Amino acid sequence: QDEVMPVMLRAVVCLSLCFAVALANNDWDYLVLMQQWPGSVCDGSEPCPTNGWTMHGLWPNRNDGSYPQFCSTTKFDPSAVSSIMNDLNAHWPSLTGPSDSFWSHEFEKHGTCASSDSPLSTELEYFQSGLNLLQQYQFATALSNAGITPSSQSVSVSSMQAAIKSAYGYAPVLECKSGKVTQGFLCVSKTLELMDCPANAQTEACSESSVSYPPVSSSTGATVSNNGDSGSWSNDNSWSNNDDSWSNKDNSYNNWDAQHATVNTENDSHNPTVIVLSVMGVCAAAVAAAAGVVTYRRRRAAAAADTVILGQAGERDFIPLI
């Protein structure tokens, strides 16, 4: 028993260190404010909004290019955001599936990590802050003011970036797929102010010099247009809460963050789950080895006792049970 206790103590210490390491790796340096363009993204499965670029997510990121995810077991609670549900439906909807599942994914993967920052500490604060930032730095407004509107004509990526920088003081990172601008982001500090994006944030930028900025059409699904109800955001008549046609189904969400997932495979060393499993594996091996030593010693002692009792000449051979 005296030999077993130190082994158990080592096991407890190792497991405690595992979770401490995982917690320490939930840190982050800045936020990605990702907006998406419905004209390029809507797949027809849900109504497609026509009131500007919509919110994709507010994602904690690190300066080294990695990012934390699923930082707690807290689940998305629709009732916690009931007071802003109309705005979520209008400006943070899923463009490829049920919105409830989309919001759940965004909060549980990204929001639980953002909660370490005081302005984002609750589910309501996380989503409200995202909506506020979207309204404040809406790409559609900046582009329209520069004479860039959705059309069948190609537009240079640099002109779109220049228009947004002119409006907000910082250049966005625009992302493209199949020759279309699909989404783009600005970088935000922990105090929710715009900042220059780190150099490695440019790795997902459009490689094309010119892209399509297509209008939202019936081919991308039923559209949701402005109805000018009383829920409109101040100073922007195009931001109206016209959400009755949005259906909130409870089906599984098809991992809408695929375009942002490249860091996952390249930086698994920063993933708390990977870290915990790796450290726990080392701990388990150490505990097993220690237990094997205890077993080995006991069997050697038993062998010595047998030698005395039976009068055998020499000790038996034993293999530690590891």
Protein backbone atom coordinates (compact mmCIF):
# COMPACT_ATOMS: atom_id res chain seq x y z
CA GLN A 1 0.00 0.00 0.00
CA ASP A 2 2.86 2.38 0.81
CA GLU A 3 4.17 1.90 -2.73
CA VAL A 4 0.78 2.35 -4.41
CA MET A 5 0.03 5.76 -2.86
CA PRO A 6 2.92 7.61 -4.55
CA VAL A 7 1.81 6.12 -7.88
CA MET A 8 -1.76 7.38 -7.40
CA LEU A 9 -0.47 10.78 -6.30
CA ARG A 10 1.61 11.04 -9.46
CA ALA A 11 -1.46 10.16 -11.53
CA VAL A 12 -3.54 12.92 -9.92
CA VAL A 13 -0.77 15.48 -10.43
CA CYS A 14 -0.37 14.48 -14.08
CA LEU A 15 -4.09 14.80 -14.80
CA SER A 16 -4.23 18.19 -13.08
CA LEU A 17 -1.34 19.38 -15.24
CA CYS A 18 -3.15 18.12 -18.34
CA PHE A 19 -6.14 20.37 -17.75
CA ALA A 20 -3.99 23.28 -16.63
CA VAL A 21 -2.06 23.10 -19.91
CA ALA A 22 -5.30 22.93 -21.89
CA LEU A 23 -6.70 25.95 -20.07
CA ALA A 24 -3.53 27.95 -20.70
CA ASN A 25 -3.87 27.27 -24.43
CA ASN A 26 -7.32 28.88 -24.61
CA ASP A 27 -5.60 32.27 -24.80
CA TRP A 28 -5.90 34.48 -27.90
CA ASP A 29 -4.68 37.84 -29.20
CA TYR A 30 -7.33 39.36 -31.47
CA LEU A 31 -10.71 38.72 -33.10
CA VAL A 32 -11.61 38.07 -36.72
CA LEU A 33 -14.80 39.90 -37.69
CA MET A 34 -15.90 37.75 -40.62
CA GLN A 35 -18.62 38.98 -42.97
CA GLN A 36 -20.03 36.94 -45.86
CA TRP A 37 -21.66 37.99 -49.11
CA PRO A 38 -25.05 36.24 -49.63
CA GLY A 39 -24.88 36.62 -53.42
CA SER A 40 -21.91 34.24 -53.50
CA VAL A 41 -22.67 31.99 -50.53
CA CYS A 42 -26.41 31.24 -50.43
CA ASP A 43 -27.03 27.68 -51.58
CA GLY A 44 -30.83 27.89 -51.89
CA SER A 45 -31.61 25.85 -48.78
CA GLU A 46 -32.58 28.95 -46.80
CA PRO A 47 -33.97 32.40 -47.65
CA CYS A 48 -31.20 34.67 -48.86
CA PRO A 49 -31.06 38.15 -47.28
CA THR A 50 -30.65 41.20 -49.50
CA ASN A 51 -29.84 43.78 -46.82
CA GLY A 52 -26.06 43.71 -46.99
CA TRP A 53 -23.18 41.46 -46.02
CA THR A 54 -24.16 39.19 -43.15
CA MET A 55 -22.22 38.01 -40.14
CA HIS A 56 -20.32 34.77 -40.39
CA GLY A 57 -18.53 34.86 -37.08
CA LEU A 58 -16.46 36.60 -34.43
CA TRP A 59 -13.43 34.37 -33.98
CA PRO A 60 -10.63 34.59 -31.40
CA ASN A 61 -7.24 34.15 -33.09
CA ARG A 62 -3.60 34.09 -32.10
CA ASN A 63 -0.79 36.10 -33.65
CA ASP A 64 0.99 32.88 -34.65
CA GLY A 65 -1.88 31.89 -36.95
CA SER A 66 -3.51 29.33 -34.69
CA TYR A 67 -6.76 29.74 -32.76
CA PRO A 68 -8.50 28.17 -29.75
CA GLN A 69 -11.79 26.36 -30.11
CA PHE A 70 -14.43 24.65 -27.97
CA CYS A 71 -12.94 26.16 -24.81
CA SER A 72 -15.69 24.89 -22.49
CA THR A 73 -18.62 22.50 -22.42
CA THR A 74 -21.12 25.37 -22.32
CA LYS A 75 -23.93 24.84 -24.83
CA PHE A 76 -25.77 27.40 -26.91
CA ASP A 77 -29.01 28.53 -25.23
CA PRO A 78 -31.50 30.19 -27.63
CA SER A 79 -33.35 31.78 -24.71
CA ALA A 80 -30.20 33.71 -23.75
CA VAL A 81 -30.40 35.67 -27.03
CA SER A 82 -34.17 35.91 -27.33
CA SER A 83 -34.00 39.69 -26.93
CA ILE A 84 -31.92 40.02 -30.13
CA MET A 85 -33.38 37.11 -32.10
CA ASN A 86 -34.80 39.38 -34.80
CA ASP A 87 -31.42 40.98 -35.43
CA LEU A 88 -29.71 37.57 -35.46
CA ASN A 89 -32.16 36.31 -38.07
CA ALA A 90 -31.70 39.41 -40.21
CA HIS A 91 -27.95 39.93 -39.94
CA TRP A 92 -26.38 36.71 -38.61
CA PRO A 93 -28.37 33.99 -40.40
CA SER A 94 -27.06 30.76 -41.80
CA LEU A 95 -26.88 30.94 -45.58
CA THR A 96 -26.55 27.19 -46.03
CA GLY A 97 -28.78 25.57 -43.40
CA PRO A 98 -30.78 26.04 -40.19
CA SER A 99 -29.76 29.14 -38.26
CA ASP A 100 -30.17 27.60 -34.79
CA SER A 101 -27.53 25.01 -35.59
CA PHE A 102 -25.30 27.66 -37.11
CA TRP A 103 -25.46 29.87 -34.01
CA SER A 104 -24.85 26.87 -31.79
CA HIS A 105 -21.75 26.00 -33.78
CA GLU A 106 -20.39 29.53 -33.73
CA PHE A 107 -20.93 30.02 -30.01
CA GLU A 108 -19.67 26.63 -28.86
CA LYS A 109 -16.60 26.65 -31.10
CA HIS A 110 -15.65 30.35 -30.93
CA GLY A 111 -17.85 32.12 -28.38
CA THR A 112 -16.76 29.91 -25.50
CA CYS A 113 -13.19 31.02 -26.15
CA ALA A 114 -14.08 34.69 -26.60
CA SER A 115 -15.74 34.65 -23.17
CA SER A 116 -12.33 35.10 -21.53
CA ASP A 117 -12.59 38.76 -22.64
CA SER A 118 -14.91 40.84 -20.44
CA PRO A 119 -16.92 42.50 -23.26
CA LEU A 120 -17.78 38.99 -24.54
CA SER A 121 -18.19 37.06 -21.30
CA THR A 122 -21.77 35.89 -21.86
CA GLU A 123 -23.61 34.38 -24.80
CA LEU A 124 -25.73 37.52 -25.18
CA GLU A 125 -22.69 39.80 -25.06
CA TYR A 126 -20.91 37.67 -27.65
CA PHE A 127 -23.70 37.82 -30.21
CA GLN A 128 -24.66 41.42 -29.45
CA SER A 129 -21.05 42.54 -29.85
CA GLY A 130 -20.83 40.74 -33.18
CA LEU A 131 -23.97 42.45 -34.43
CA ASN A 132 -22.76 45.84 -33.23
CA LEU A 133 -19.45 45.41 -35.01
CA LEU A 134 -21.18 44.28 -38.19
CA GLN A 135 -23.39 47.36 -38.18
CA GLN A 136 -20.45 49.64 -37.46
CA TYR A 137 -18.16 48.17 -40.14
CA GLN A 138 -20.65 46.94 -42.76
CA PHE A 139 -18.84 46.18 -46.03
CA ALA A 140 -21.90 46.90 -48.21
CA THR A 141 -22.01 50.51 -47.01
CA ALA A 142 -18.31 51.12 -47.66
CA LEU A 143 -18.42 49.52 -51.09
CA SER A 144 -21.62 51.29 -52.13
CA ASN A 145 -20.23 54.66 -51.07
CA ALA A 146 -17.27 54.01 -53.38
CA GLY A 147 -19.56 53.16 -56.28
CA ILE A 148 -18.98 49.38 -56.02
CA THR A 149 -22.27 47.53 -56.16
CA PRO A 150 -23.17 43.90 -56.95
CA SER A 151 -23.33 43.27 -60.69
CA SER A 152 -22.39 40.81 -63.39
CA GLN A 153 -19.20 42.73 -64.03
CA SER A 154 -15.87 41.81 -62.47
CA VAL A 155 -14.35 44.15 -59.91
CA SER A 156 -10.77 44.40 -58.78
CA VAL A 157 -10.00 43.05 -55.32
CA SER A 158 -7.72 46.00 -54.65
CA SER A 159 -10.51 48.50 -55.33
CA MET A 160 -12.80 46.68 -52.89
CA GLN A 161 -10.08 46.67 -50.25
CA ALA A 162 -9.34 50.35 -50.86
CA ALA A 163 -13.02 51.26 -50.49
CA ILE A 164 -13.33 49.48 -47.16
CA LYS A 165 -10.04 50.91 -45.90
CA SER A 166 -11.12 54.39 -46.90
CA ALA A 167 -14.32 53.99 -44.91
CA TYR A 168 -12.94 52.35 -41.77
CA GLY A 169 -9.21 53.03 -41.74
CA TYR A 170 -8.07 49.43 -42.05
CA ALA A 171 -7.76 47.13 -45.07
CA PRO A 172 -9.81 43.94 -44.99
CA VAL A 173 -8.75 40.46 -46.00
CA LEU A 174 -11.11 39.31 -48.77
CA GLU A 175 -11.60 35.65 -49.56
CA CYS A 176 -12.74 34.18 -52.87
CA LYS A 177 -13.98 30.91 -54.28
CA SER A 178 -14.63 29.99 -57.90
CA GLY A 179 -13.90 33.55 -59.01
CA LYS A 180 -16.42 35.10 -56.58
CA VAL A 181 -15.79 37.15 -53.47
CA THR A 182 -17.39 35.07 -50.73
CA GLN A 183 -16.39 36.64 -47.44
CA GLY A 184 -13.94 38.99 -45.83
CA PHE A 185 -12.78 40.14 -42.45
CA LEU A 186 -11.34 42.93 -40.40
CA CYS A 187 -9.28 42.34 -37.27
CA VAL A 188 -10.55 43.57 -33.92
CA SER A 189 -8.68 44.02 -30.63
CA LYS A 190 -9.80 42.71 -27.25
CA THR A 191 -11.26 46.15 -26.60
CA LEU A 192 -13.41 45.70 -29.74
CA GLU A 193 -11.56 48.30 -31.78
CA LEU A 194 -10.24 47.79 -35.31
CA MET A 195 -6.56 46.97 -35.68
CA ASP A 196 -4.09 45.92 -38.36
CA CYS A 197 -4.30 42.20 -39.09
CA PRO A 198 -1.15 40.15 -38.41
CA ALA A 199 0.82 39.22 -41.52
CA ASN A 200 -0.18 35.57 -41.32
CA ALA A 201 -3.86 36.55 -41.52
CA GLN A 202 -3.27 37.23 -45.21
CA THR A 203 -2.74 33.56 -46.01
CA GLU A 204 -6.41 33.07 -46.95
CA ALA A 205 -6.67 36.23 -49.07
CA CYS A 206 -7.93 36.15 -52.66
CA SER A 207 -5.26 35.17 -55.12
CA GLU A 208 -7.23 36.62 -58.04
CA SER A 209 -6.79 40.26 -59.03
CA SER A 210 -10.42 40.58 -60.17
CA VAL A 211 -13.49 38.75 -58.90
CA SER A 212 -17.22 38.60 -59.36
CA TYR A 213 -19.41 40.46 -56.84
CA PRO A 214 -22.74 38.92 -57.88
CA PRO A 215 -26.12 40.30 -56.85
CA VAL A 216 -28.47 38.20 -54.77
CA SER A 217 -30.93 36.58 -57.14
CA SER A 218 -33.76 34.07 -57.08
CA SER A 219 -31.30 31.38 -58.14
CA THR A 220 -29.68 31.58 -54.69
CA GLY A 221 -32.92 30.87 -52.87
CA ALA A 222 -35.93 32.84 -51.73
CA THR A 223 -34.87 36.36 -50.86
CA VAL A 224 -35.66 38.31 -47.75
CA SER A 225 -36.04 42.01 -48.48
CA ASN A 226 -36.40 45.01 -46.20
CA ASN A 227 -39.86 45.65 -44.81
CA GLY A 228 -38.99 48.75 -42.82
CA ASP A 229 -40.46 47.52 -39.53
CA SER A 230 -39.83 49.19 -36.20
CA GLY A 231 -36.90 46.95 -35.45
CA SER A 232 -34.61 48.79 -37.86
CA TRP A 233 -31.18 49.70 -36.52
CA SER A 234 -30.62 53.42 -36.05
CA ASN A 235 -28.94 55.44 -38.82
CA ASP A 236 -29.31 52.62 -41.33
CA ASN A 237 -32.77 52.13 -42.81
CA SER A 238 -31.64 49.03 -44.68
CA TRP A 239 -31.13 47.15 -41.39
CA SER A 240 -34.68 46.05 -40.68
CA ASN A 241 -35.77 43.00 -38.75
CA ASN A 242 -37.76 41.17 -41.38
CA ASP A 243 -37.32 37.70 -40.02
CA ASP A 244 -40.73 35.99 -40.00
CA SER A 245 -39.83 33.88 -43.04
CA TRP A 246 -36.71 32.50 -41.39
CA SER A 247 -37.31 28.99 -40.07
CA ASN A 248 -35.22 27.81 -37.12
CA LYS A 249 -34.91 24.08 -37.59
CA ASP A 250 -32.96 21.87 -35.23
CA ASN A 251 -30.98 19.72 -37.64
CA SER A 252 -27.28 19.05 -37.54
CA TYR A 253 -25.15 21.90 -38.87
CA ASN A 254 -22.75 21.16 -41.69
CA ASN A 255 -19.56 22.76 -40.23
CA TRP A 256 -19.82 26.13 -41.92
CA ASP A 257 -16.27 27.00 -40.78
CA ALA A 258 -14.64 24.86 -43.45
CA GLN A 259 -13.07 27.90 -45.11
CA HIS A 260 -11.43 28.80 -41.81
CA ALA A 261 -10.39 25.25 -40.87
CA THR A 262 -6.95 25.17 -42.48
CA VAL A 263 -5.33 26.30 -39.25
CA ASN A 264 -6.84 23.29 -37.47
CA THR A 265 -4.82 20.78 -39.44
CA GLU A 266 -1.68 22.88 -39.50
CA ASN A 267 -1.64 23.85 -35.82
CA ASP A 268 -3.00 20.87 -33.91
CA SER A 269 -0.27 21.44 -31.34
CA HIS A 270 -2.35 24.40 -30.10
CA ASN A 271 -5.58 22.43 -29.87
CA PRO A 272 -6.46 21.90 -26.18
CA THR A 273 -7.98 18.51 -26.96
CA VAL A 274 -4.80 17.34 -28.67
CA ILE A 275 -2.69 18.71 -25.84
CA VAL A 276 -4.78 16.98 -23.17
CA LEU A 277 -4.72 13.65 -24.98
CA SER A 278 -0.98 13.87 -25.58
CA VAL A 279 -0.13 14.77 -22.01
CA MET A 280 -2.57 12.20 -20.65
CA GLY A 281 -0.91 9.59 -22.82
CA VAL A 282 2.45 10.42 -21.29
CA CYS A 283 0.90 10.39 -17.82
CA ALA A 284 -0.75 7.04 -18.44
CA ALA A 285 2.54 5.55 -19.60
CA ALA A 286 4.32 6.93 -16.55
CA VAL A 287 1.67 5.61 -14.17
CA ALA A 288 1.68 2.21 -15.87
CA ALA A 289 5.44 2.05 -15.67
CA ALA A 290 5.36 2.97 -11.99
CA ALA A 291 2.72 0.34 -11.35
CA GLY A 292 4.85 -2.19 -13.19
CA VAL A 293 7.80 -1.38 -10.96
CA VAL A 294 5.66 -1.93 -7.87
CA THR A 295 4.43 -5.25 -9.22
CA TYR A 296 7.97 -6.23 -10.14
CA ARG A 297 9.26 -5.46 -6.66
CA ARG A 298 6.47 -7.38 -5.00
CA ARG A 299 7.03 -10.45 -7.13
CA ARG A 300 10.75 -10.33 -6.52
CA ALA A 301 10.04 -10.17 -2.79
CA ALA A 302 7.69 -13.12 -3.15
CA ALA A 303 10.33 -15.01 -5.11
CA ALA A 304 12.90 -14.37 -2.39
CA ALA A 305 10.45 -15.64 0.19
CA ASP A 306 9.82 -18.78 -1.84
CA THR A 307 13.56 -19.32 -2.11
CA VAL A 308 13.91 -19.25 1.65
CA ILE A 309 10.93 -21.51 2.23
CA LEU A 310 11.63 -24.00 -0.52
CA GLY A 311 15.39 -23.87 -0.26
CA GLN A 312 15.80 -23.09 -3.98
CA ALA A 313 19.14 -21.80 -5.15
CA GLY A 314 18.60 -18.37 -6.77
CA GLU A 315 15.82 -15.94 -7.62
CA ARG A 316 13.17 -16.42 -10.24
CA ASP A 317 13.01 -14.22 -13.33
CA PHE A 318 10.10 -11.77 -13.56
CA ILE A 319 8.98 -9.30 -16.24
CA PRO A 320 7.43 -6.02 -15.05
CA LEU A 321 3.75 -5.76 -16.00
CA ILE A 322 3.64 -2.44 -17.92
